[in-house]
Amino acid sequence: MLTISLTHYVILSALLFSIGLFGVLTKRNAVAVLICIEIMLNAVNINLVAFSKYITPTDFVGQIFSIFVITVAAAEVGIGLAIIIAIYRNKLSVNLDDFDWLKW
């Protein structure tokens, strides 16, 4: 019987985090960057639940932290999409290279 160990979860999480980080660093579309940030947060959630399961299997600390992270991520997506929509209405673009308001 195949058992899934902590290493499998850590590898999956590292892979998801790497994919998200690669997307954040290479994508120019603001919505794609937001989605990649969500992928990175989900990788953190997998780690939280996996370590919680293997370190303290009777407690639900990792699951509670993961629900907190999901809640914060949902709020972040709502605010982020609202900002992107507001910027799109003004600039008619979601390309991050077009946003240079904070550059000197």
Foldseek 3Di string as FASTA:
>chain_A
DDDDALVNLLVVLVVQLVQLVVQLVPDQFLVSNLVSVVSNLVSVLSNLQSCCCVVPVVDCPSVVVNVVSVVVSVVVVVVSVVVQVVVCVVPVGRGNVVDDPPPD
